[in-house]
C-alpha atoms as a PDB file:
ATOM      1  CA  MET A   1      -6.518 -21.791   3.523  1.00  0.00           C
ATOM      2  CA  HIS A   2      -3.660 -19.481   2.383  1.00  0.00           C
ATOM      3  CA  GLU A   3      -2.243 -21.819  -0.232  1.00  0.00           C
ATOM      4  CA  HIS A   4      -2.661 -19.128  -2.976  1.00  0.00           C
ATOM      5  CA  LEU A   5      -0.307 -16.879  -1.070  1.00  0.00           C
ATOM      6  CA  LEU A   6       2.396 -19.434  -0.516  1.00  0.00           C
ATOM      7  CA  LYS A   7       3.261 -20.311  -4.087  1.00  0.00           C
ATOM      8  CA  GLU A   8       6.847 -19.576  -4.664  1.00  0.00           C
ATOM      9  CA  PHE A   9       7.870 -17.338  -7.611  1.00  0.00           C
ATOM     10  CA  GLU A  10      11.549 -16.749  -7.840  1.00  0.00           C
ATOM     11  CA  ILE A  11      13.233 -14.254 -10.089  1.00  0.00           C
ATOM     12  CA  PRO A  12      16.899 -13.549 -10.772  1.00  0.00           C
ATOM     13  CA  TYR A  13      18.285 -11.017  -8.313  1.00  0.00           C
ATOM     14  CA  SER A  14      21.727  -9.504  -7.840  1.00  0.00           C
ATOM     15  CA  LEU A  15      23.250  -6.395  -6.246  1.00  0.00           C
ATOM     16  CA  PRO A  16      26.609  -4.938  -6.788  1.00  0.00           C
ATOM     17  CA  ASN A  17      29.078  -6.107  -4.146  1.00  0.00           C
ATOM     18  CA  LEU A  18      30.295  -3.231  -1.957  1.00  0.00           C
ATOM     19  CA  THR A  19      33.679  -2.976  -0.370  1.00  0.00           C
ATOM     20  CA  ASP A  20      33.757  -2.788   3.426  1.00  0.00           C
ATOM     21  CA  LYS A  21      34.721   0.864   3.050  1.00  0.00           C
ATOM     22  CA  GLU A  22      31.704   1.575   0.850  1.00  0.00           C
ATOM     23  CA  GLY A  23      29.448  -0.300   3.253  1.00  0.00           C
ATOM     24  CA  VAL A  24      30.699   1.639   6.236  1.00  0.00           C
ATOM     25  CA  ARG A  25      30.277   4.947   4.338  1.00  0.00           C
ATOM     26  CA  ASN A  26      26.749   4.151   3.199  1.00  0.00           C
ATOM     27  CA  SER A  27      25.591   2.832   6.549  1.00  0.00           C
ATOM     28  CA  GLN A  28      27.105   5.966   8.296  1.00  0.00           C
ATOM     29  CA  PHE A  29      25.287   8.312   5.827  1.00  0.00           C
ATOM     30  CA  PHE A  30      22.030   6.440   6.432  1.00  0.00           C
ATOM     31  CA  TYR A  31      22.457   6.598  10.239  1.00  0.00           C
ATOM     32  CA  GLU A  32      23.278  10.314  10.095  1.00  0.00           C
ATOM     33  CA  GLN A  33      20.010  10.966   8.174  1.00  0.00           C
ATOM     34  CA  MET A  34      17.886   8.825  10.496  1.00  0.00           C
ATOM     35  CA  LYS A  35      19.188  10.254  13.711  1.00  0.00           C
ATOM     36  CA  MET A  36      17.857  13.681  12.583  1.00  0.00           C
ATOM     37  CA  ARG A  37      14.322  12.260  12.299  1.00  0.00           C
ATOM     38  CA  ARG A  38      11.770  14.028  14.502  1.00  0.00           C
ATOM     39  CA  SER A  39       7.981  14.066  14.887  1.00  0.00           C
ATOM     40  CA  VAL A  40       6.919  17.592  13.978  1.00  0.00           C
ATOM     41  CA  ARG A  41       3.682  19.185  14.941  1.00  0.00           C
ATOM     42  CA  ASN A  42       4.074  22.595  13.427  1.00  0.00           C
ATOM     43  CA  PHE A  43       3.680  22.650   9.618  1.00  0.00           C
ATOM     44  CA  SER A  44       3.956  25.470   7.089  1.00  0.00           C
ATOM     45  CA  THR A  45       1.249  25.979   4.499  1.00  0.00           C
ATOM     46  CA  ARG A  46       3.662  25.169   1.715  1.00  0.00           C
ATOM     47  CA  PRO A  47       2.183  22.335  -0.398  1.00  0.00           C
ATOM     48  CA  VAL A  48       3.898  18.969  -0.918  1.00  0.00           C
ATOM     49  CA  SER A  49       4.471  17.728  -4.407  1.00  0.00           C
ATOM     50  CA  LEU A  50       2.236  14.855  -5.395  1.00  0.00           C
ATOM     51  CA  LYS A  51       5.155  13.201  -7.156  1.00  0.00           C
ATOM     52  CA  ILE A  52       7.073  13.167  -3.897  1.00  0.00           C
ATOM     53  CA  ILE A  53       4.087  11.513  -2.143  1.00  0.00           C
ATOM     54  CA  GLN A  54       3.876   8.951  -4.923  1.00  0.00           C
ATOM     55  CA  ASN A  55       7.587   8.162  -4.619  1.00  0.00           C
ATOM     56  CA  LEU A  56       7.325   7.778  -0.892  1.00  0.00           C
ATOM     57  CA  ILE A  57       4.421   5.414  -1.193  1.00  0.00           C
ATOM     58  CA  LYS A  58       6.251   3.378  -3.905  1.00  0.00           C
ATOM     59  CA  THR A  59       9.212   3.154  -1.576  1.00  0.00           C
ATOM     60  CA  ALA A  60       7.012   1.816   1.223  1.00  0.00           C
ATOM     61  CA  GLY A  61       5.549  -0.636  -1.235  1.00  0.00           C
ATOM     62  CA  CYS A  62       9.019  -2.220  -1.620  1.00  0.00           C
ATOM     63  CA  SER A  63       8.669  -3.486   1.907  1.00  0.00           C
ATOM     64  CA  PRO A  64       8.733  -7.289   2.508  1.00  0.00           C
ATOM     65  CA  SER A  65       5.470  -8.956   3.405  1.00  0.00           C
ATOM     66  CA  VAL A  66       4.327 -12.534   4.193  1.00  0.00           C
ATOM     67  CA  GLY A  67       3.689 -14.306   0.920  1.00  0.00           C
ATOM     68  CA  ASN A  68       4.185 -10.971  -0.864  1.00  0.00           C
ATOM     69  CA  THR A  69       0.608 -10.123   0.138  1.00  0.00           C
ATOM     70  CA  GLN A  70       1.401  -6.417   0.528  1.00  0.00           C
ATOM     71  CA  PRO A  71      -1.550  -5.904   2.863  1.00  0.00           C
ATOM     72  CA  TRP A  72      -1.216  -2.166   3.197  1.00  0.00           C
ATOM     73  CA  LYS A  73      -3.155   0.718   1.785  1.00  0.00           C
ATOM     74  CA  PHE A  74      -1.993   4.342   1.733  1.00  0.00           C
ATOM     75  CA  CYS A  75      -4.773   6.938   1.367  1.00  0.00           C
ATOM     76  CA  VAL A  76      -3.506  10.406   0.487  1.00  0.00           C
ATOM     77  CA  ILE A  77      -5.728  13.156   2.025  1.00  0.00           C
ATOM     78  CA  VAL A  78      -5.301  16.740   0.937  1.00  0.00           C
ATOM     79  CA  ASN A  79      -8.923  17.850   1.066  1.00  0.00           C
ATOM     80  CA  GLU A  80      -9.380  20.273   3.988  1.00  0.00           C
ATOM     81  CA  GLU A  81     -12.891  18.963   4.833  1.00  0.00           C
ATOM     82  CA  LYS A  82     -11.658  15.346   4.900  1.00  0.00           C
ATOM     83  CA  LYS A  83      -8.714  16.303   7.175  1.00  0.00           C
ATOM     84  CA  ARG A  84     -11.130  18.097   9.505  1.00  0.00           C
ATOM     85  CA  GLU A  85     -13.387  14.962   9.628  1.00  0.00           C
ATOM     86  CA  ILE A  86     -10.295  12.769  10.421  1.00  0.00           C
ATOM     87  CA  ARG A  87      -9.383  15.148  13.197  1.00  0.00           C
ATOM     88  CA  GLU A  88     -12.836  15.137  14.685  1.00  0.00           C
ATOM     89  CA  LYS A  89     -13.095  11.296  14.508  1.00  0.00           C
ATOM     90  CA  TYR A  90      -9.649  10.955  16.046  1.00  0.00           C
ATOM     91  CA  ASN A  91     -10.593  13.242  18.911  1.00  0.00           C
ATOM     92  CA  LEU A  92     -13.889  11.344  19.551  1.00  0.00           C
ATOM     93  CA  PHE A  93     -11.986   7.985  19.439  1.00  0.00           C
ATOM     94  CA  ARG A  94      -9.374   9.270  21.930  1.00  0.00           C
ATOM     95  CA  MET A  95     -11.866  10.837  24.280  1.00  0.00           C
ATOM     96  CA  GLY A  96     -13.585   7.423  24.664  1.00  0.00           C
ATOM     97  CA  ALA A  97     -10.246   5.825  25.554  1.00  0.00           C
ATOM     98  CA  GLY A  98     -10.809   6.268  29.272  1.00  0.00           C
ATOM     99  CA  SER A  99      -9.177   7.835  32.274  1.00  0.00           C
ATOM    100  CA  GLU A 100      -5.947   5.825  31.993  1.00  0.00           C
ATOM    101  CA  TRP A 101      -5.244   7.423  28.545  1.00  0.00           C
ATOM    102  CA  VAL A 102      -6.044  10.922  29.925  1.00  0.00           C
ATOM    103  CA  VAL A 103      -3.395  10.408  32.693  1.00  0.00           C
ATOM    104  CA  ASP A 104      -0.925   8.952  30.155  1.00  0.00           C
ATOM    105  CA  ILE A 105      -1.274  11.809  27.702  1.00  0.00           C
ATOM    106  CA  SER A 106      -1.195  14.453  30.311  1.00  0.00           C
ATOM    107  CA  GLN A 107       2.374  13.387  31.058  1.00  0.00           C
ATOM    108  CA  LEU A 108       3.262  14.096  27.384  1.00  0.00           C
ATOM    109  CA  GLN A 109       1.902  17.685  27.455  1.00  0.00           C
ATOM    110  CA  VAL A 110      -0.027  17.376  24.208  1.00  0.00           C
ATOM    111  CA  THR A 111      -3.495  18.543  23.489  1.00  0.00           C
ATOM    112  CA  TRP A 112      -6.756  16.658  22.700  1.00  0.00           C
ATOM    113  CA  SER A 113      -7.387  18.850  19.699  1.00  0.00           C
ATOM    114  CA  ARG A 114      -4.491  17.624  17.412  1.00  0.00           C
ATOM    115  CA  PRO A 115      -4.328  20.792  15.217  1.00  0.00           C
ATOM    116  CA  TYR A 116      -1.449  19.332  13.189  1.00  0.00           C
ATOM    117  CA  ILE A 117      -3.941  16.959  11.516  1.00  0.00           C
ATOM    118  CA  THR A 118      -5.567  19.811   9.675  1.00  0.00           C
ATOM    119  CA  ASP A 119      -2.502  22.079   9.588  1.00  0.00           C
ATOM    120  CA  ALA A 120      -0.397  19.499   7.621  1.00  0.00           C
ATOM    121  CA  PRO A 121      -0.673  19.924   3.839  1.00  0.00           C
ATOM    122  CA  VAL A 122      -1.005  16.084   3.441  1.00  0.00           C
ATOM    123  CA  VAL A 123      -2.323  13.340   5.670  1.00  0.00           C
ATOM    124  CA  LEU A 124      -1.566   9.697   4.833  1.00  0.00           C
ATOM    125  CA  VAL A 125      -4.008   7.198   6.314  1.00  0.00           C
ATOM    126  CA  ILE A 126      -2.282   3.866   6.548  1.00  0.00           C
ATOM    127  CA  CYS A 127      -4.412   0.715   6.740  1.00  0.00           C
ATOM    128  CA  HIS A 128      -3.725  -2.991   6.723  1.00  0.00           C
ATOM    129  CA  GLU A 129      -6.171  -5.538   5.256  1.00  0.00           C
ATOM    130  CA  ILE A 130      -7.933  -7.939   7.614  1.00  0.00           C
ATOM    131  CA  PHE A 131      -9.931  -9.838   4.921  1.00  0.00           C
ATOM    132  CA  LYS A 132      -9.236 -10.513   1.260  1.00  0.00           C
ATOM    133  CA  GLU A 133     -11.581 -11.981  -1.287  1.00  0.00           C
ATOM    134  CA  VAL A 134     -10.082 -15.081  -2.931  1.00  0.00           C
ATOM    135  CA  SER A 135     -12.103 -17.015  -5.581  1.00  0.00           C
ATOM    136  CA  GLY A 136     -15.325 -15.383  -4.385  1.00  0.00           C
ATOM    137  CA  THR A 137     -14.709 -16.265  -0.740  1.00  0.00           C
ATOM    138  CA  LYS A 138     -13.861 -13.739   1.991  1.00  0.00           C
ATOM    139  CA  GLN A 139     -10.794 -14.986   3.942  1.00  0.00           C
ATOM    140  CA  ARG A 140      -9.125 -13.567   7.032  1.00  0.00           C
ATOM    141  CA  LEU A 141      -5.488 -12.769   6.336  1.00  0.00           C
ATOM    142  CA  PHE A 142      -2.568 -13.863   8.427  1.00  0.00           C
ATOM    143  CA  HIS A 143      -1.990 -11.936  11.610  1.00  0.00           C
ATOM    144  CA  TYR A 144       1.384 -10.941  10.012  1.00  0.00           C
ATOM    145  CA  ASN A 145      -0.476  -8.283   7.882  1.00  0.00           C
ATOM    146  CA  GLN A 146      -0.098  -5.809  10.707  1.00  0.00           C
ATOM    147  CA  VAL A 147       3.585  -6.587  11.157  1.00  0.00           C
ATOM    148  CA  SER A 148       4.116  -6.313   7.318  1.00  0.00           C
ATOM    149  CA  THR A 149       2.311  -2.926   7.279  1.00  0.00           C
ATOM    150  CA  SER A 150       4.433  -1.648  10.201  1.00  0.00           C
ATOM    151  CA  ILE A 151       7.558  -2.552   8.358  1.00  0.00           C
ATOM    152  CA  SER A 152       6.295  -0.608   5.269  1.00  0.00           C
ATOM    153  CA  VAL A 153       5.559   2.366   7.512  1.00  0.00           C
ATOM    154  CA  GLY A 154       9.174   2.154   8.836  1.00  0.00           C
ATOM    155  CA  MET A 155      10.370   2.274   5.200  1.00  0.00           C
ATOM    156  CA  LEU A 156       8.071   5.171   4.561  1.00  0.00           C
ATOM    157  CA  LEU A 157       9.420   7.086   7.550  1.00  0.00           C
ATOM    158  CA  ALA A 158      13.030   6.418   6.441  1.00  0.00           C
ATOM    159  CA  ALA A 159      12.156   7.636   2.925  1.00  0.00           C
ATOM    160  CA  LEU A 160      10.500  10.739   4.432  1.00  0.00           C
ATOM    161  CA  GLN A 161      13.700  11.577   6.331  1.00  0.00           C
ATOM    162  CA  LEU A 162      15.812  11.171   3.180  1.00  0.00           C
ATOM    163  CA  ARG A 163      13.448  13.474   1.253  1.00  0.00           C
ATOM    164  CA  PHE A 164      13.528  16.048   4.042  1.00  0.00           C
ATOM    165  CA  ILE A 165       9.747  16.304   4.541  1.00  0.00           C
ATOM    166  CA  GLN A 166       8.654  16.435   8.100  1.00  0.00           C
ATOM    167  CA  GLN A 167       6.057  14.031   9.687  1.00  0.00           C
ATOM    168  CA  GLN A 168       3.981  13.222  12.637  1.00  0.00           C
ATOM    169  CA  GLN A 169       2.457   9.835  13.154  1.00  0.00           C
ATOM    170  CA  GLN A 170      -0.520   8.473  15.212  1.00  0.00           C
ATOM    171  CA  LYS A 171      -2.822   5.419  15.215  1.00  0.00           C
ATOM    172  CA  VAL A 172      -6.355   5.111  13.761  1.00  0.00           C
ATOM    173  CA  GLY A 173      -8.983   2.261  13.229  1.00  0.00           C
ATOM    174  CA  GLY A 174     -11.522   0.994  10.734  1.00  0.00           C
ATOM    175  CA  PRO A 175     -13.839  -1.947   9.638  1.00  0.00           C
ATOM    176  CA  LYS A 176     -12.561  -4.095   6.650  1.00  0.00           C
ATOM    177  CA  GLN A 177      -9.111  -2.632   6.782  1.00  0.00           C
ATOM    178  CA  ARG A 178      -7.710  -1.908  10.226  1.00  0.00           C
ATOM    179  CA  GLY A 179      -6.128   1.553  10.624  1.00  0.00           C
ATOM    180  CA  GLN A 180      -2.456   1.301  11.255  1.00  0.00           C
ATOM    181  CA  GLY A 181      -2.060   5.069  11.742  1.00  0.00           C
ATOM    182  CA  THR A 182      -1.813   8.448  10.028  1.00  0.00           C
ATOM    183  CA  VAL A 183       1.258  10.333   8.879  1.00  0.00           C
ATOM    184  CA  HIS A 184       1.041  14.043   8.562  1.00  0.00           C
ATOM    185  CA  LEU A 185       3.404  15.470   5.923  1.00  0.00           C
ATOM    186  CA  GLY A 186       4.720  18.904   5.174  1.00  0.00           C
ATOM    187  CA  THR A 187       7.509  21.360   5.624  1.00  0.00           C
ATOM    188  CA  THR A 188       8.146  22.829   9.071  1.00  0.00           C
ATOM    189  CA  GLN A 189       7.316  26.268  10.249  1.00  0.00           C
ATOM    190  CA  ASN A 190      10.314  28.439  11.054  1.00  0.00           C
ATOM    191  CA  ASP A 191      11.723  28.417  14.574  1.00  0.00           C
ATOM    192  CA  ILE A 192      10.009  25.326  15.935  1.00  0.00           C
ATOM    193  CA  GLN A 193      10.914  23.092  18.872  1.00  0.00           C
ATOM    194  CA  VAL A 194      10.518  19.282  18.915  1.00  0.00           C
END
């Protein structure tokens, strides 16, 4: 069923060899950057450069995926009306989640209204493909597509931290492509707590 995905295409590949000292230095730098990552819910109105967003998405696109299917889609939302619609749909979705979710979220001291969805200058909606059309036939993709997309989101979050843009992440849903989540991007307000 997925033979078209499993054809091997190999290309030459090489990286410079690092000394142990260089490897330790690089890994320490990366760790120092990653340990500063936080989910921020207070954004300034300062816009985010589209070129930065493009580079972040290109970085996420370098993520490994089964059969190199790259089953992810990143939708960049900057339109205020669209962000408001996403916020409303998210709130409706969560309100229908039931009493167990209400009890769970009450422990986290967060609100139903999710103001950061509309406050953030940019919202990335991240989806993974469920079906793909191959030779005119709709085929269900491997279940690994969600895992592959999650790995790409991890790379995106690491790239965000290295670019010093703040983010907040949450999950969403959809029909042909399943929502993996949203990431809200922007610079932080002054004097925030996380």
